[in-house]
């Protein structure tokens, strides 16, 4: 396809994707699901699992192979921009409220699913073709462990806001534990990605570079940006040139970690966390988030859906492995976090709510498994299994939370969370 044809195809794809996501969103709203969950489902439905299965000619015409030349970089931009916003909304101080319960839930939500995921990785490595030949046993076990212990922190924040759980014990503990879990999962993923070269020295350089990047960004750049932000606070507004400057350092951060082999989303998230709170982050979020949520993320969900071929699970055995993965995910996150919350003295209702919310994997799961597929760590079949697990566990969060906790819970309000975290 020529550049002109690619442009026309991409514009048509945008229109179709946005309309379809809104249509699915109408149904999702009636079922009590947030729009971002609807887009996650819509992405799978637009892929070969539904559209390509029943209307292959329409699917081929709408998403020809050549069009991926445009959709892939845009999907990567969507991830980086979204993680930049997540980094700006990330507040570690929420762990200080109900910190004992948050840490207990976080540990249970990391250790149990990581062990179960590692065990599944060992079994899949030896008894299935879920991992390509270049993936080592260590990488298989570590990657699947990280994928199982991830929590949909950004989506979790939006579900909590959607369910009016902001500031409650349930919302505070779930956000605190989810933040810790996701940070640990990204560290595990960084180790897997760094080891893919097969050379210990290269892996060590990547890991050391990542640690150095985090240290320089948070310990050197962040204080410098804070001093620069003081002038912005006095003026009360972020100028256009200052906005562009923030976009430049966001892009450079994403570029640097991509060069290191740690993926652009890692650098974007850390750079977002370094942005000075106040007028700067408020202005950046107000300008970046609407376009990212409305336009870019649906394109990423569709890109994920194009890689999801449920038809690859073409035997009862493979579907059994999918069911086993889902069961391990629910037990490792939902039940383990519920028990951990109960062990710290929380009521059964609150503990059930926390376990249900922590079990949602959402977009963070899609991000981590997309990286795994692109880097050749997992096969398309395992990708399909993990997408199903991510969608099902996320869809479970809202209705089960309503049933177990109630639609308008009045949990203990230890301290209001910052609005930017809950938004």
Protein backbone atom coordinates (compact mmCIF):
# COMPACT_ATOMS: atom_id res chain seq x y z
CA UNK A 1 0.00 0.00 0.00
CA UNK A 2 1.15 3.54 -0.78
CA UNK A 3 1.45 6.18 1.91
CA UNK A 4 -1.78 7.78 0.70
CA UNK A 5 -3.59 4.43 0.85
CA UNK A 6 -2.23 3.77 4.35
CA UNK A 7 -3.47 7.18 5.48
CA UNK A 8 -6.96 6.57 4.09
CA UNK A 9 -7.07 3.10 5.63
CA UNK A 10 -5.95 4.41 9.03
CA UNK A 11 -8.57 7.16 9.08
CA UNK A 12 -11.28 4.62 8.25
CA UNK A 13 -10.00 2.34 11.02
CA UNK A 14 -10.19 5.19 13.53
CA UNK A 15 -13.81 5.92 12.63
CA UNK A 16 -14.87 2.27 12.81
CA UNK A 17 -13.01 1.60 16.07
CA UNK A 18 -14.40 4.66 17.86
CA UNK A 19 -17.99 4.00 16.77
CA UNK A 20 -17.80 0.32 17.72
CA UNK A 21 -16.27 1.12 21.13
CA UNK A 22 -19.09 3.55 21.85
CA UNK A 23 -21.71 0.99 20.85
CA UNK A 24 -20.19 -1.64 23.12
CA UNK A 25 -19.95 1.04 25.80
CA UNK A 26 -23.73 1.55 25.72
CA UNK A 27 -24.25 -2.15 26.48
CA UNK A 28 -21.49 -2.12 29.09
CA UNK A 29 -23.03 0.84 30.90
CA UNK A 30 -26.31 -1.04 31.25
CA UNK A 31 -24.33 -3.90 32.81
CA UNK A 32 -22.60 -1.56 35.24
CA UNK A 33 -19.21 -1.63 33.48
CA UNK A 34 -16.98 1.45 32.88
CA UNK A 35 -16.28 2.60 29.31
CA UNK A 36 -12.63 1.51 29.51
CA UNK A 37 -13.77 -2.08 30.19
CA UNK A 38 -16.10 -1.86 27.17
CA UNK A 39 -13.19 -0.79 24.96
CA UNK A 40 -11.12 -3.71 26.21
CA UNK A 41 -13.88 -6.12 25.14
CA UNK A 42 -14.51 -4.25 21.89
CA UNK A 43 -10.87 -4.65 20.91
CA UNK A 44 -11.16 -8.43 21.10
CA UNK A 45 -14.47 -8.44 19.20
CA UNK A 46 -12.98 -6.42 16.33
CA UNK A 47 -10.14 -8.92 15.95
CA UNK A 48 -9.99 -12.34 14.32
CA UNK A 49 -11.82 -13.92 17.27
CA UNK A 50 -15.18 -12.49 16.13
CA UNK A 51 -15.09 -10.13 13.14
CA UNK A 52 -12.38 -12.12 11.39
CA UNK A 53 -14.09 -15.41 12.19
CA UNK A 54 -17.59 -14.63 10.90
CA UNK A 55 -16.85 -11.87 8.37
CA UNK A 56 -13.32 -12.63 7.13
CA UNK A 57 -13.58 -10.50 3.97
CA UNK A 58 -14.75 -7.46 5.94
CA UNK A 59 -12.00 -8.03 8.49
CA UNK A 60 -9.32 -8.35 5.80
CA UNK A 61 -10.55 -5.21 4.08
CA UNK A 62 -10.65 -3.19 7.29
CA UNK A 63 -7.40 -4.43 8.83
CA UNK A 64 -5.05 -5.45 6.00
CA UNK A 65 -1.57 -6.55 7.02
CA UNK A 66 0.09 -3.46 5.57
CA UNK A 67 -2.02 -1.19 7.80
CA UNK A 68 -0.15 -2.53 10.83
CA UNK A 69 2.74 -0.28 9.77
CA UNK A 70 0.65 2.63 11.06
CA UNK A 71 -1.38 0.97 13.82
CA UNK A 72 1.62 -0.52 15.64
CA UNK A 73 3.49 2.76 16.35
CA UNK A 74 0.24 4.52 17.24
CA UNK A 75 -0.59 1.73 19.70
CA UNK A 76 2.87 2.15 21.25
CA UNK A 77 2.31 5.90 21.52
CA UNK A 78 -1.03 5.20 23.20
CA UNK A 79 0.68 3.01 25.80
CA UNK A 80 3.45 5.50 26.48
CA UNK A 81 1.08 8.48 26.73
CA UNK A 82 -1.29 6.59 29.00
CA UNK A 83 1.51 5.39 31.30
CA UNK A 84 2.83 8.97 31.43
CA UNK A 85 -0.57 10.05 32.75
CA UNK A 86 -0.67 7.09 35.16
CA UNK A 87 2.75 8.11 36.46
CA UNK A 88 1.47 11.63 37.12
CA UNK A 89 -1.57 10.21 38.96
CA UNK A 90 0.52 7.72 40.91
CA UNK A 91 0.48 8.56 44.63
CA UNK A 92 2.53 6.34 46.90
CA UNK A 93 1.25 8.27 49.89
CA UNK A 94 -2.05 6.40 49.70
CA UNK A 95 -0.24 3.41 51.22
CA UNK A 96 0.17 5.43 54.44
CA UNK A 97 -3.56 5.13 55.03
CA UNK A 98 -4.42 1.61 56.19
CA UNK A 99 -0.77 0.76 55.44
CA UNK A 100 -0.86 -2.48 57.44
CA UNK A 101 -3.75 -3.88 55.42
CA UNK A 102 -2.38 -2.47 52.14
CA UNK A 103 1.01 -4.12 52.62
CA UNK A 104 -0.54 -7.44 53.69
CA UNK A 105 -2.90 -7.45 50.69
CA UNK A 106 -0.06 -6.41 48.39
CA UNK A 107 2.25 -9.21 49.56
CA UNK A 108 -0.51 -11.80 49.23
CA UNK A 109 -1.41 -10.39 45.81
CA UNK A 110 2.20 -10.69 44.65
CA UNK A 111 3.57 -13.84 46.26
CA UNK A 112 0.64 -16.21 45.73
CA UNK A 113 -0.05 -15.45 42.03
CA UNK A 114 3.69 -15.30 41.31
CA UNK A 115 4.18 -18.81 42.71
CA UNK A 116 1.14 -20.12 40.85
CA UNK A 117 2.19 -18.34 37.65
CA UNK A 118 5.72 -19.71 37.94
CA UNK A 119 4.33 -23.21 38.43
CA UNK A 120 2.10 -22.79 35.36
CA UNK A 121 5.07 -21.49 33.42
CA UNK A 122 7.06 -24.60 34.35
CA UNK A 123 4.19 -26.89 33.31
CA UNK A 124 3.45 -25.03 30.07
CA UNK A 125 7.14 -24.98 29.17
CA UNK A 126 7.48 -28.75 29.48
CA UNK A 127 4.05 -29.94 28.29
CA UNK A 128 2.74 -27.39 25.77
CA UNK A 129 3.93 -25.23 22.87
CA UNK A 130 2.86 -22.03 24.64
CA UNK A 131 6.44 -20.73 24.72
CA UNK A 132 8.63 -20.31 21.61
CA UNK A 133 11.90 -22.21 21.44
CA UNK A 134 14.01 -19.13 22.20
CA UNK A 135 12.28 -18.63 25.57
CA UNK A 136 14.17 -20.24 28.44
CA UNK A 137 12.52 -21.97 31.40
CA UNK A 138 13.63 -19.13 33.67
CA UNK A 139 12.08 -16.52 31.38
CA UNK A 140 8.88 -18.54 30.98
CA UNK A 141 8.37 -18.93 34.73
CA UNK A 142 9.33 -15.34 35.55
CA UNK A 143 7.17 -13.83 32.79
CA UNK A 144 4.06 -15.83 33.64
CA UNK A 145 4.59 -15.11 37.34
CA UNK A 146 4.77 -11.38 36.59
CA UNK A 147 1.72 -11.58 34.31
CA UNK A 148 -0.30 -13.31 37.02
CA UNK A 149 0.57 -10.88 39.80
CA UNK A 150 -0.18 -7.71 37.81
CA UNK A 151 -3.12 -5.58 38.94
CA UNK A 152 -4.98 -3.14 36.71
CA UNK A 153 -3.93 -0.13 38.79
CA UNK A 154 -5.10 2.59 36.33
CA UNK A 155 -8.35 0.73 35.61
CA UNK A 156 -8.70 -0.08 39.31
CA UNK A 157 -8.61 3.65 40.10
CA UNK A 158 -11.35 4.30 37.56
CA UNK A 159 -13.53 1.42 38.77
CA UNK A 160 -13.18 2.71 42.35
CA UNK A 161 -14.20 6.18 41.18
CA UNK A 162 -17.05 4.70 39.09
CA UNK A 163 -18.31 2.71 42.11
CA UNK A 164 -18.00 5.71 44.47
CA UNK A 165 -15.44 3.87 46.61
CA UNK A 166 -12.98 6.78 46.64
CA UNK A 167 -11.80 7.49 50.19
CA UNK A 168 -13.31 4.33 51.68
CA UNK A 169 -11.24 1.64 53.37
CA UNK A 170 -11.89 -0.67 50.42
CA UNK A 171 -10.77 1.90 47.86
CA UNK A 172 -7.73 3.05 49.81
CA UNK A 173 -6.37 -0.43 50.56
CA UNK A 174 -7.02 -1.69 47.03
CA UNK A 175 -5.26 1.31 45.43
CA UNK A 176 -2.29 1.09 47.78
CA UNK A 177 -1.86 -2.64 47.31
CA UNK A 178 -2.41 -2.40 43.55
CA UNK A 179 0.25 0.29 43.21
CA UNK A 180 2.84 -1.83 45.02
CA UNK A 181 1.94 -4.96 43.04
CA UNK A 182 2.24 -3.22 39.69
CA UNK A 183 5.62 -1.73 40.58
CA UNK A 184 6.90 -5.20 41.51
CA UNK A 185 5.45 -6.76 38.34
CA UNK A 186 7.17 -4.15 36.14
CA UNK A 187 10.46 -4.88 37.87
CA UNK A 188 10.02 -8.59 37.10
CA UNK A 189 9.16 -7.81 33.48
CA UNK A 190 12.27 -5.63 33.20
CA UNK A 191 14.38 -8.60 34.30
CA UNK A 192 12.73 -10.88 31.71
CA UNK A 193 13.18 -8.36 28.89
CA UNK A 194 16.78 -7.70 29.87
CA UNK A 195 17.60 -11.43 29.83
CA UNK A 196 16.13 -12.04 26.36
CA UNK A 197 19.45 -11.20 24.65
CA UNK A 198 20.99 -14.31 26.15
CA UNK A 199 24.08 -12.42 27.27
CA UNK A 200 24.41 -11.77 30.97
CA UNK A 201 26.47 -8.63 30.38
CA UNK A 202 23.80 -7.10 28.13
CA UNK A 203 21.10 -8.03 30.62
CA UNK A 204 23.11 -6.51 33.46
CA UNK A 205 23.66 -3.33 31.45
CA UNK A 206 19.93 -3.05 30.73
CA UNK A 207 18.98 -3.59 34.36
CA UNK A 208 21.69 -1.22 35.60
CA UNK A 209 20.62 1.34 33.01
CA UNK A 210 17.02 1.04 34.16
CA UNK A 211 18.00 1.49 37.82
CA UNK A 212 20.20 4.45 36.86
CA UNK A 213 17.36 5.98 34.83
CA UNK A 214 14.95 5.71 37.78
CA UNK A 215 17.54 7.16 40.17
CA UNK A 216 18.46 10.07 37.90
CA UNK A 217 14.84 10.83 37.07
CA UNK A 218 13.50 10.74 40.63
CA UNK A 219 16.53 11.99 42.55
CA UNK A 220 18.00 14.57 40.14
CA UNK A 221 15.44 15.53 37.50
CA UNK A 222 12.42 15.59 39.81
CA UNK A 223 13.90 18.21 42.23
CA UNK A 224 15.00 20.30 39.24
CA UNK A 225 11.49 20.15 37.78
CA UNK A 226 10.03 21.05 41.19
CA UNK A 227 12.11 24.26 41.27
CA UNK A 228 11.07 25.02 37.71
CA UNK A 229 7.43 24.41 38.65
CA UNK A 230 7.58 27.05 41.38
CA UNK A 231 7.55 29.74 38.69
CA UNK A 232 4.60 28.05 37.02
CA UNK A 233 2.71 27.99 40.31
CA UNK A 234 3.27 31.73 40.75
CA UNK A 235 1.91 32.47 37.27
CA UNK A 236 -0.93 30.01 37.74
CA UNK A 237 -0.69 28.53 34.24
CA UNK A 238 1.50 26.27 32.08
CA UNK A 239 2.58 28.00 28.87
CA UNK A 240 2.53 26.32 25.46
CA UNK A 241 6.32 26.15 25.30
CA UNK A 242 6.44 24.60 28.79
CA UNK A 243 3.83 22.07 27.73
CA UNK A 244 5.96 21.15 24.73
CA UNK A 245 9.02 20.88 26.98
CA UNK A 246 7.18 18.35 29.19
CA UNK A 247 6.23 16.35 26.10
CA UNK A 248 9.88 16.37 24.99
CA UNK A 249 11.18 14.93 28.27
CA UNK A 250 8.32 12.39 28.26
CA UNK A 251 9.36 11.25 24.77
CA UNK A 252 13.04 11.14 25.71
CA UNK A 253 12.30 9.06 28.80
CA UNK A 254 10.24 6.57 26.77
CA UNK A 255 12.93 6.49 24.07
CA UNK A 256 15.74 5.87 26.55
CA UNK A 257 14.16 2.83 28.21
CA UNK A 258 13.18 1.47 24.79
CA UNK A 259 16.85 1.71 23.77
CA UNK A 260 17.76 -0.12 26.99
CA UNK A 261 15.39 -2.94 26.02
CA UNK A 262 13.02 -2.23 28.93
CA UNK A 263 10.14 -0.89 26.77
CA UNK A 264 8.97 2.68 26.36
CA UNK A 265 6.09 2.37 28.86
CA UNK A 266 8.56 1.97 31.71
CA UNK A 267 10.33 5.22 30.91
CA UNK A 268 7.05 7.07 30.35
CA UNK A 269 5.65 5.95 33.70
CA UNK A 270 8.78 6.97 35.65
CA UNK A 271 8.88 10.33 33.88
CA UNK A 272 5.24 10.89 34.78
CA UNK A 273 5.99 10.10 38.42
CA UNK A 274 8.75 12.74 38.34
CA UNK A 275 6.44 15.53 37.17
CA UNK A 276 5.86 18.14 39.92
CA UNK A 277 2.40 17.90 41.45
CA UNK A 278 0.17 20.94 41.22
CA UNK A 279 -0.53 23.15 38.24
CA UNK A 280 2.00 21.31 36.02
CA UNK A 281 0.49 17.84 36.37
CA UNK A 282 -3.04 19.21 36.37
CA UNK A 283 -2.43 21.02 33.08
CA UNK A 284 -0.64 18.03 31.52
CA UNK A 285 -3.37 15.60 32.52
CA UNK A 286 -6.12 17.95 31.31
CA UNK A 287 -4.46 18.20 27.89
CA UNK A 288 -3.14 14.67 27.40
CA UNK A 289 -5.68 12.41 29.11
CA UNK A 290 -8.84 13.25 27.09
CA UNK A 291 -7.23 12.54 23.73
CA UNK A 292 -5.46 9.46 25.09
CA UNK A 293 -8.63 7.95 26.58
CA UNK A 294 -10.96 8.90 23.75
CA UNK A 295 -8.75 8.22 20.72
CA UNK A 296 -5.46 6.47 21.42
CA UNK A 297 -6.43 3.76 23.91
CA UNK A 298 -9.23 2.31 21.72
CA UNK A 299 -6.58 1.91 19.00
CA UNK A 300 -4.36 0.01 21.45
CA UNK A 301 -7.24 -2.25 22.51
CA UNK A 302 -7.98 -3.00 18.87
CA UNK A 303 -4.31 -3.72 18.21
CA UNK A 304 -4.39 -6.20 21.11
CA UNK A 305 -7.56 -7.72 19.70
CA UNK A 306 -5.92 -8.18 16.29
CA UNK A 307 -3.28 -10.33 18.02
CA UNK A 308 -5.89 -12.39 19.86
CA UNK A 309 -6.97 -15.53 18.04
CA UNK A 310 -9.22 -17.52 20.32
CA UNK A 311 -9.55 -20.07 17.51
CA UNK A 312 -5.96 -21.10 18.26
CA UNK A 313 -7.37 -22.81 21.34
CA UNK A 314 -8.73 -25.60 19.16
CA UNK A 315 -8.80 -28.54 21.53
CA UNK A 316 -10.39 -29.41 24.88
CA UNK A 317 -6.88 -29.70 26.34
CA UNK A 318 -5.97 -26.11 25.39
CA UNK A 319 -9.27 -24.81 26.73
CA UNK A 320 -8.54 -26.79 29.88
CA UNK A 321 -5.21 -24.99 30.17
CA UNK A 322 -7.07 -21.72 29.74
CA UNK A 323 -9.48 -22.66 32.52
CA UNK A 324 -6.56 -23.67 34.73
CA UNK A 325 -4.90 -20.28 34.10
CA UNK A 326 -8.12 -18.45 34.96
CA UNK A 327 -8.59 -20.48 38.14
CA UNK A 328 -5.00 -19.82 39.22
CA UNK A 329 -5.48 -16.10 38.52
CA UNK A 330 -8.66 -15.90 40.61
CA UNK A 331 -7.26 -17.94 43.48
CA UNK A 332 -3.88 -16.21 43.44
CA UNK A 333 -5.31 -12.68 43.47
CA UNK A 334 -8.92 -12.63 44.57
CA UNK A 335 -8.93 -15.26 47.29
CA UNK A 336 -5.40 -14.56 48.54
CA UNK A 337 -6.10 -10.83 48.87
CA UNK A 338 -9.42 -11.50 50.60
CA UNK A 339 -7.73 -13.74 53.16
CA UNK A 340 -4.93 -11.22 53.68
CA UNK A 341 -7.40 -8.40 54.29
CA UNK A 342 -9.33 -10.54 56.77
CA UNK A 343 -6.11 -11.40 58.61
CA UNK A 344 -5.53 -7.71 59.36
CA UNK A 345 -8.91 -7.33 61.05
CA UNK A 346 -10.96 -5.95 58.17
CA UNK A 347 -14.62 -6.91 57.94
CA UNK A 348 -15.60 -9.75 55.62
CA UNK A 349 -17.55 -7.35 53.39
CA UNK A 350 -14.59 -5.03 52.96
CA UNK A 351 -12.18 -7.94 52.48
CA UNK A 352 -14.40 -9.43 49.77
CA UNK A 353 -14.55 -6.08 48.00
CA UNK A 354 -10.78 -5.73 48.08
CA UNK A 355 -10.24 -9.27 46.79
CA UNK A 356 -12.67 -8.68 43.93
CA UNK A 357 -11.07 -5.39 42.89
CA UNK A 358 -7.52 -6.71 43.14
CA UNK A 359 -8.44 -9.63 40.88
CA UNK A 360 -9.04 -7.30 37.92
CA UNK A 361 -6.09 -7.33 35.50
CA UNK A 362 -7.45 -5.01 32.85
CA UNK A 363 -5.24 -3.00 30.57
CA UNK A 364 -2.03 -3.55 32.52
CA UNK A 365 -2.30 -7.25 31.69
CA UNK A 366 -2.81 -6.43 28.02
CA UNK A 367 0.26 -4.20 28.09
CA UNK A 368 2.51 -6.80 29.65
CA UNK A 369 1.38 -9.66 27.40
CA UNK A 370 1.58 -7.48 24.27
CA UNK A 371 5.19 -6.82 25.20
CA UNK A 372 5.69 -10.55 25.71
CA UNK A 373 4.23 -11.36 22.31
CA UNK A 374 6.18 -8.65 20.48
CA UNK A 375 9.45 -9.76 22.08
CA UNK A 376 8.77 -13.42 21.28
CA UNK A 377 8.54 -14.56 24.91
CA UNK A 378 5.09 -16.14 24.50
CA UNK A 379 3.21 -17.72 21.60
CA UNK A 380 -0.06 -16.40 20.08
CA UNK A 381 -1.88 -19.30 21.79
CA UNK A 382 -0.71 -18.30 25.26
CA UNK A 383 -1.43 -14.68 24.35
CA UNK A 384 -5.05 -15.67 23.63
CA UNK A 385 -5.28 -17.54 26.95
CA UNK A 386 -3.97 -14.53 28.89
CA UNK A 387 -6.26 -12.09 27.05
CA UNK A 388 -9.26 -14.23 28.01
CA UNK A 389 -8.04 -14.29 31.61
CA UNK A 390 -7.56 -10.50 31.61
CA UNK A 391 -11.01 -9.82 30.15
CA UNK A 392 -12.86 -12.26 32.42
CA UNK A 393 -11.18 -11.14 35.65
CA UNK A 394 -11.83 -7.48 34.76
CA UNK A 395 -15.46 -8.10 33.83
CA UNK A 396 -15.93 -9.88 37.16
CA UNK A 397 -14.87 -6.86 39.23
CA UNK A 398 -17.93 -4.59 38.94
CA UNK A 399 -20.84 -7.07 39.18
CA UNK A 400 -19.26 -9.20 41.93
CA UNK A 401 -18.32 -6.08 43.86
CA UNK A 402 -21.93 -4.87 43.61
CA UNK A 403 -23.25 -8.23 44.79
CA UNK A 404 -20.81 -8.78 47.65
CA UNK A 405 -20.25 -5.21 48.83
CA UNK A 406 -23.28 -3.30 47.57
CA UNK A 407 -23.68 -0.59 44.96
CA UNK A 408 -23.36 2.27 47.44
CA UNK A 409 -20.98 1.09 50.16
CA UNK A 410 -20.18 3.31 53.10
CA UNK A 411 -16.76 2.01 53.96
CA UNK A 412 -14.66 3.62 56.66
CA UNK A 413 -13.19 6.89 55.44
CA UNK A 414 -9.72 7.08 56.86
CA UNK A 415 -8.60 9.94 54.63
CA UNK A 416 -9.80 11.26 51.28
CA UNK A 417 -7.67 10.23 48.35
CA UNK A 418 -6.39 12.88 45.98
CA UNK A 419 -8.88 13.49 43.21
CA UNK A 420 -6.24 12.94 40.53
CA UNK A 421 -5.71 9.41 41.78
CA UNK A 422 -9.35 8.55 41.71
CA UNK A 423 -10.20 10.20 38.43
